Amino acid sequence: MRRIDVIAIGVGVFAAGGVIYLFFQAVGFDSLSAGIWSQGLFIAVLVGWILSYLLRVVSQNMTYNQQVKDYKEAVLQKRLEEMTPEELEKLQQEIEDAEQQ
C-alpha cells in the first residue's frame, strides 16, 4: 500500500466520522450525544475490523501465507518437470510404499 493510499484512507475515515456525527444531529441528537454515539460507532467498527484481522491471522488466510503456498507449489512443480522418467518412477514407487505403511 502506498503512502497516498494510507493518507486517503485516513481522510476518508475522518470525513466518515464527521458525516456520521452530522447524521446523528440531523436525526435529533444534541451535539454531545451525537459525538458520543458517533465515537461509539467508530470504536465498534474499529474493534470489528481488528477482530476480522485477527481471525485471518489465526486461520492463516492472509496474502503473505497464500504467496508462500503458491511459491512452494511452483517450486515443487518445477522440480517435477525437471525430473527424468526414471526419477519419476522411483518417486512414484516411494509414494506407493509410504501409502502402504
N, C-alpha and C. Protein backbone atom coordinates (compact mmCIF):
# COMPACT_ATOMS: atom_id res chain seq x y z
N MET A 1 0.85 -1.17 0.00
CA MET A 1 0.00 0.00 0.00
C MET A 1 0.90 1.24 0.00
N ARG A 2 0.55 2.17 -0.83
CA ARG A 2 1.35 3.38 -0.94
C ARG A 2 0.95 4.39 0.13
N ARG A 3 1.83 5.36 0.37
CA ARG A 3 1.56 6.39 1.38
C ARG A 3 0.30 7.18 1.05
N ILE A 4 0.12 7.48 -0.23
CA ILE A 4 -1.04 8.27 -0.61
C ILE A 4 -2.33 7.50 -0.32
N ASP A 5 -2.27 6.17 -0.44
CA ASP A 5 -3.44 5.35 -0.12
C ASP A 5 -3.77 5.43 1.36
N VAL A 6 -2.74 5.37 2.19
CA VAL A 6 -2.94 5.46 3.64
C VAL A 6 -3.51 6.83 4.01
N ILE A 7 -2.98 7.87 3.38
CA ILE A 7 -3.48 9.23 3.64
C ILE A 7 -4.94 9.34 3.20
N ALA A 8 -5.26 8.79 2.03
CA ALA A 8 -6.64 8.85 1.53
C ALA A 8 -7.59 8.09 2.46
N ILE A 9 -7.16 6.93 2.94
CA ILE A 9 -8.00 6.16 3.87
C ILE A 9 -8.20 6.95 5.16
N GLY A 10 -7.13 7.56 5.67
CA GLY A 10 -7.24 8.36 6.89
C GLY A 10 -8.20 9.52 6.73
N VAL A 11 -8.10 10.23 5.61
CA VAL A 11 -9.00 11.35 5.35
C VAL A 11 -10.44 10.84 5.19
N GLY A 12 -10.59 9.69 4.53
CA GLY A 12 -11.92 9.11 4.36
C GLY A 12 -12.56 8.73 5.68
N VAL A 13 -11.77 8.13 6.58
CA VAL A 13 -12.30 7.76 7.90
C VAL A 13 -12.67 9.01 8.69
N PHE A 14 -11.82 10.03 8.63
CA PHE A 14 -12.09 11.30 9.31
C PHE A 14 -13.39 11.92 8.79
N ALA A 15 -13.54 11.93 7.46
CA ALA A 15 -14.74 12.50 6.85
C ALA A 15 -15.98 11.67 7.20
N ALA A 16 -15.82 10.35 7.22
CA ALA A 16 -16.96 9.49 7.57
C ALA A 16 -17.41 9.76 9.00
N GLY A 17 -16.46 9.98 9.91
CA GLY A 17 -16.82 10.32 11.28
C GLY A 17 -17.62 11.60 11.35
N GLY A 18 -17.22 12.59 10.56
CA GLY A 18 -17.96 13.85 10.52
C GLY A 18 -19.35 13.67 9.94
N VAL A 19 -19.47 12.86 8.92
CA VAL A 19 -20.78 12.61 8.31
C VAL A 19 -21.69 11.87 9.29
N ILE A 20 -21.14 10.91 10.00
CA ILE A 20 -21.94 10.17 10.99
C ILE A 20 -22.40 11.12 12.10
N TYR A 21 -21.50 12.00 12.54
CA TYR A 21 -21.85 12.98 13.57
C TYR A 21 -22.99 13.87 13.08
N LEU A 22 -22.88 14.35 11.85
CA LEU A 22 -23.93 15.20 11.28
C LEU A 22 -25.24 14.42 11.12
N PHE A 23 -25.14 13.14 10.77
CA PHE A 23 -26.33 12.31 10.65
C PHE A 23 -27.05 12.20 11.99
N PHE A 24 -26.28 11.94 13.06
CA PHE A 24 -26.91 11.83 14.38
C PHE A 24 -27.54 13.15 14.80
N GLN A 25 -26.90 14.26 14.45
CA GLN A 25 -27.51 15.55 14.77
C GLN A 25 -28.78 15.77 13.96
N ALA A 26 -28.77 15.34 12.70
CA ALA A 26 -29.95 15.52 11.85
C ALA A 26 -31.11 14.66 12.33
N VAL A 27 -30.80 13.52 12.92
CA VAL A 27 -31.84 12.62 13.42
C VAL A 27 -32.50 13.21 14.65
N GLY A 28 -31.77 14.06 15.39
CA GLY A 28 -32.37 14.70 16.55
C GLY A 28 -31.54 14.64 17.81
N PHE A 29 -30.36 14.06 17.75
CA PHE A 29 -29.49 14.05 18.93
C PHE A 29 -28.89 15.43 19.14
N ASP A 30 -28.64 15.80 20.40
CA ASP A 30 -27.91 17.04 20.65
C ASP A 30 -26.44 16.80 20.32
N SER A 31 -25.64 17.87 20.30
CA SER A 31 -24.25 17.73 19.84
C SER A 31 -23.44 16.79 20.72
N LEU A 32 -23.66 16.80 22.04
CA LEU A 32 -22.91 15.91 22.93
C LEU A 32 -23.27 14.45 22.67
N SER A 33 -24.56 14.15 22.58
CA SER A 33 -24.99 12.78 22.33
C SER A 33 -24.56 12.31 20.94
N ALA A 34 -24.64 13.19 19.96
CA ALA A 34 -24.22 12.83 18.60
C ALA A 34 -22.74 12.49 18.59
N GLY A 35 -21.93 13.25 19.32
CA GLY A 35 -20.50 12.97 19.39
C GLY A 35 -20.22 11.65 20.07
N ILE A 36 -20.91 11.37 21.16
CA ILE A 36 -20.71 10.11 21.88
C ILE A 36 -21.11 8.93 21.00
N TRP A 37 -22.28 9.01 20.36
CA TRP A 37 -22.73 7.90 19.53
C TRP A 37 -21.86 7.70 18.30
N SER A 38 -21.40 8.79 17.69
CA SER A 38 -20.55 8.64 16.51
C SER A 38 -19.20 8.03 16.91
N GLN A 39 -18.65 8.42 18.06
CA GLN A 39 -17.41 7.81 18.53
C GLN A 39 -17.63 6.34 18.90
N GLY A 40 -18.76 6.05 19.53
CA GLY A 40 -19.07 4.66 19.87
C GLY A 40 -19.19 3.79 18.63
N LEU A 41 -19.85 4.31 17.59
CA LEU A 41 -19.97 3.57 16.34
C LEU A 41 -18.60 3.37 15.70
N PHE A 42 -17.77 4.41 15.73
CA PHE A 42 -16.42 4.31 15.18
C PHE A 42 -15.61 3.24 15.92
N ILE A 43 -15.69 3.21 17.24
CA ILE A 43 -14.96 2.22 18.03
C ILE A 43 -15.48 0.82 17.73
N ALA A 44 -16.80 0.66 17.58
CA ALA A 44 -17.37 -0.65 17.25
C ALA A 44 -16.86 -1.15 15.90
N VAL A 45 -16.81 -0.26 14.91
CA VAL A 45 -16.30 -0.64 13.59
C VAL A 45 -14.81 -0.98 13.68
N LEU A 46 -14.05 -0.21 14.44
CA LEU A 46 -12.63 -0.46 14.60
C LEU A 46 -12.37 -1.81 15.27
N VAL A 47 -13.11 -2.12 16.32
CA VAL A 47 -12.96 -3.40 17.01
C VAL A 47 -13.35 -4.55 16.06
N GLY A 48 -14.40 -4.37 15.29
CA GLY A 48 -14.80 -5.39 14.31
C GLY A 48 -13.72 -5.63 13.28
N TRP A 49 -13.10 -4.56 12.79
CA TRP A 49 -12.02 -4.69 11.81
C TRP A 49 -10.83 -5.42 12.43
N ILE A 50 -10.46 -5.07 13.66
CA ILE A 50 -9.34 -5.74 14.33
C ILE A 50 -9.64 -7.22 14.53
N LEU A 51 -10.87 -7.55 14.94
CA LEU A 51 -11.24 -8.95 15.13
C LEU A 51 -11.20 -9.72 13.81
N SER A 52 -11.62 -9.10 12.72
CA SER A 52 -11.56 -9.79 11.42
C SER A 52 -10.10 -10.01 11.01
N TYR A 53 -9.23 -9.05 11.31
CA TYR A 53 -7.81 -9.22 11.02
C TYR A 53 -7.22 -10.36 11.85
N LEU A 54 -7.54 -10.40 13.14
CA LEU A 54 -7.03 -11.47 13.99
C LEU A 54 -7.55 -12.83 13.53
N LEU A 55 -8.79 -12.89 13.07
CA LEU A 55 -9.33 -14.13 12.55
C LEU A 55 -8.54 -14.59 11.32
N ARG A 56 -8.21 -13.66 10.43
CA ARG A 56 -7.40 -14.02 9.25
C ARG A 56 -6.01 -14.47 9.65
N VAL A 57 -5.43 -13.86 10.70
CA VAL A 57 -4.10 -14.26 11.16
C VAL A 57 -4.15 -15.68 11.73
N VAL A 58 -5.13 -15.94 12.58
CA VAL A 58 -5.24 -17.25 13.22
C VAL A 58 -5.52 -18.34 12.18
N SER A 59 -6.38 -18.05 11.22
CA SER A 59 -6.72 -19.05 10.20
C SER A 59 -5.68 -19.09 9.07
N GLN A 60 -4.67 -18.25 9.13
CA GLN A 60 -3.62 -18.14 8.13
C GLN A 60 -4.19 -17.90 6.74
N ASN A 61 -5.18 -17.06 6.67
CA ASN A 61 -5.83 -16.71 5.42
C ASN A 61 -5.43 -15.29 5.03
N MET A 62 -4.11 -15.08 4.92
CA MET A 62 -3.59 -13.76 4.60
C MET A 62 -2.83 -13.83 3.27
N THR A 63 -2.61 -12.69 2.67
CA THR A 63 -1.94 -12.63 1.37
C THR A 63 -0.55 -13.25 1.44
N TYR A 64 0.21 -12.95 2.47
CA TYR A 64 1.57 -13.49 2.59
C TYR A 64 1.55 -15.02 2.62
N ASN A 65 0.66 -15.60 3.42
CA ASN A 65 0.59 -17.05 3.50
C ASN A 65 0.23 -17.67 2.15
N GLN A 66 -0.68 -17.03 1.44
CA GLN A 66 -1.06 -17.54 0.12
C GLN A 66 0.11 -17.45 -0.86
N GLN A 67 0.88 -16.37 -0.78
CA GLN A 67 2.04 -16.23 -1.66
C GLN A 67 3.08 -17.30 -1.37
N VAL A 68 3.32 -17.60 -0.09
CA VAL A 68 4.28 -18.64 0.28
C VAL A 68 3.80 -20.00 -0.23
N LYS A 69 2.52 -20.28 -0.07
CA LYS A 69 1.95 -21.54 -0.54
C LYS A 69 2.10 -21.67 -2.06
N ASP A 70 1.76 -20.60 -2.79
CA ASP A 70 1.88 -20.62 -4.25
C ASP A 70 3.34 -20.81 -4.67
N TYR A 71 4.28 -20.18 -3.96
CA TYR A 71 5.70 -20.31 -4.28
C TYR A 71 6.16 -21.75 -4.08
N LYS A 72 5.79 -22.35 -2.96
CA LYS A 72 6.19 -23.74 -2.69
C LYS A 72 5.64 -24.68 -3.75
N GLU A 73 4.39 -24.48 -4.14
CA GLU A 73 3.80 -25.32 -5.18
C GLU A 73 4.52 -25.14 -6.52
N ALA A 74 4.89 -23.90 -6.84
CA ALA A 74 5.61 -23.64 -8.09
C ALA A 74 6.98 -24.30 -8.08
N VAL A 75 7.67 -24.25 -6.94
CA VAL A 75 8.99 -24.87 -6.83
C VAL A 75 8.86 -26.38 -7.01
N LEU A 76 7.87 -27.00 -6.34
CA LEU A 76 7.68 -28.44 -6.48
C LEU A 76 7.33 -28.82 -7.91
N GLN A 77 6.49 -28.02 -8.55
CA GLN A 77 6.11 -28.28 -9.94
C GLN A 77 7.33 -28.20 -10.85
N LYS A 78 8.18 -27.21 -10.62
CA LYS A 78 9.39 -27.04 -11.42
C LYS A 78 10.32 -28.24 -11.24
N ARG A 79 10.46 -28.70 -9.98
CA ARG A 79 11.31 -29.87 -9.72
C ARG A 79 10.74 -31.11 -10.41
N LEU A 80 9.42 -31.29 -10.38
CA LEU A 80 8.82 -32.44 -11.05
C LEU A 80 9.06 -32.39 -12.56
N GLU A 81 8.98 -31.22 -13.15
CA GLU A 81 9.19 -31.08 -14.59
C GLU A 81 10.63 -31.38 -14.97
N GLU A 82 11.57 -31.13 -14.06
CA GLU A 82 12.99 -31.34 -14.35
C GLU A 82 13.44 -32.79 -14.11
N MET A 83 12.59 -33.59 -13.49
CA MET A 83 12.96 -34.96 -13.18
C MET A 83 12.90 -35.83 -14.44
N THR A 84 13.81 -36.81 -14.48
CA THR A 84 13.80 -37.76 -15.58
C THR A 84 12.70 -38.78 -15.35
N PRO A 85 12.31 -39.51 -16.39
CA PRO A 85 11.28 -40.55 -16.20
C PRO A 85 11.68 -41.60 -15.15
N GLU A 86 12.95 -41.93 -15.07
CA GLU A 86 13.39 -42.89 -14.07
C GLU A 86 13.22 -42.34 -12.66
N GLU A 87 13.56 -41.08 -12.48
CA GLU A 87 13.40 -40.46 -11.16
C GLU A 87 11.92 -40.36 -10.78
N LEU A 88 11.07 -40.07 -11.76
CA LEU A 88 9.63 -40.01 -11.50
C LEU A 88 9.09 -41.39 -11.10
N GLU A 89 9.57 -42.43 -11.78
CA GLU A 89 9.14 -43.79 -11.44
C GLU A 89 9.59 -44.16 -10.03
N LYS A 90 10.80 -43.77 -9.67
CA LYS A 90 11.32 -44.05 -8.33
C LYS A 90 10.49 -43.30 -7.28
N LEU A 91 10.16 -42.04 -7.55
CA LEU A 91 9.35 -41.24 -6.62
C LEU A 91 7.96 -41.85 -6.48
N GLN A 92 7.39 -42.29 -7.60
CA GLN A 92 6.06 -42.93 -7.56
C GLN A 92 6.10 -44.18 -6.69
N GLN A 93 7.16 -44.96 -6.83
CA GLN A 93 7.29 -46.19 -6.03
C GLN A 93 7.42 -45.86 -4.55
N GLU A 94 8.19 -44.81 -4.22
CA GLU A 94 8.35 -44.40 -2.81
C GLU A 94 7.03 -43.95 -2.21
N ILE A 95 6.24 -43.24 -3.01
CA ILE A 95 4.93 -42.77 -2.53
C ILE A 95 4.00 -43.96 -2.29
N GLU A 96 4.01 -44.92 -3.19
CA GLU A 96 3.15 -46.10 -3.03
C GLU A 96 3.58 -46.90 -1.81
N ASP A 97 4.90 -47.02 -1.58
CA ASP A 97 5.39 -47.75 -0.40
C ASP A 97 4.99 -47.04 0.88
N ALA A 98 5.04 -45.71 0.88
CA ALA A 98 4.68 -44.95 2.06
C ALA A 98 3.18 -45.07 2.34
N GLU A 99 2.36 -45.12 1.30
CA GLU A 99 0.92 -45.26 1.48
C GLU A 99 0.55 -46.63 2.02
N GLN A 100 1.30 -47.65 1.66
CA GLN A 100 1.01 -49.00 2.15
C GLN A 100 1.34 -49.15 3.63
N GLN A 101 2.30 -48.39 4.09
CA GLN A 101 2.69 -48.47 5.50
C GLN A 101 1.81 -47.59 6.30
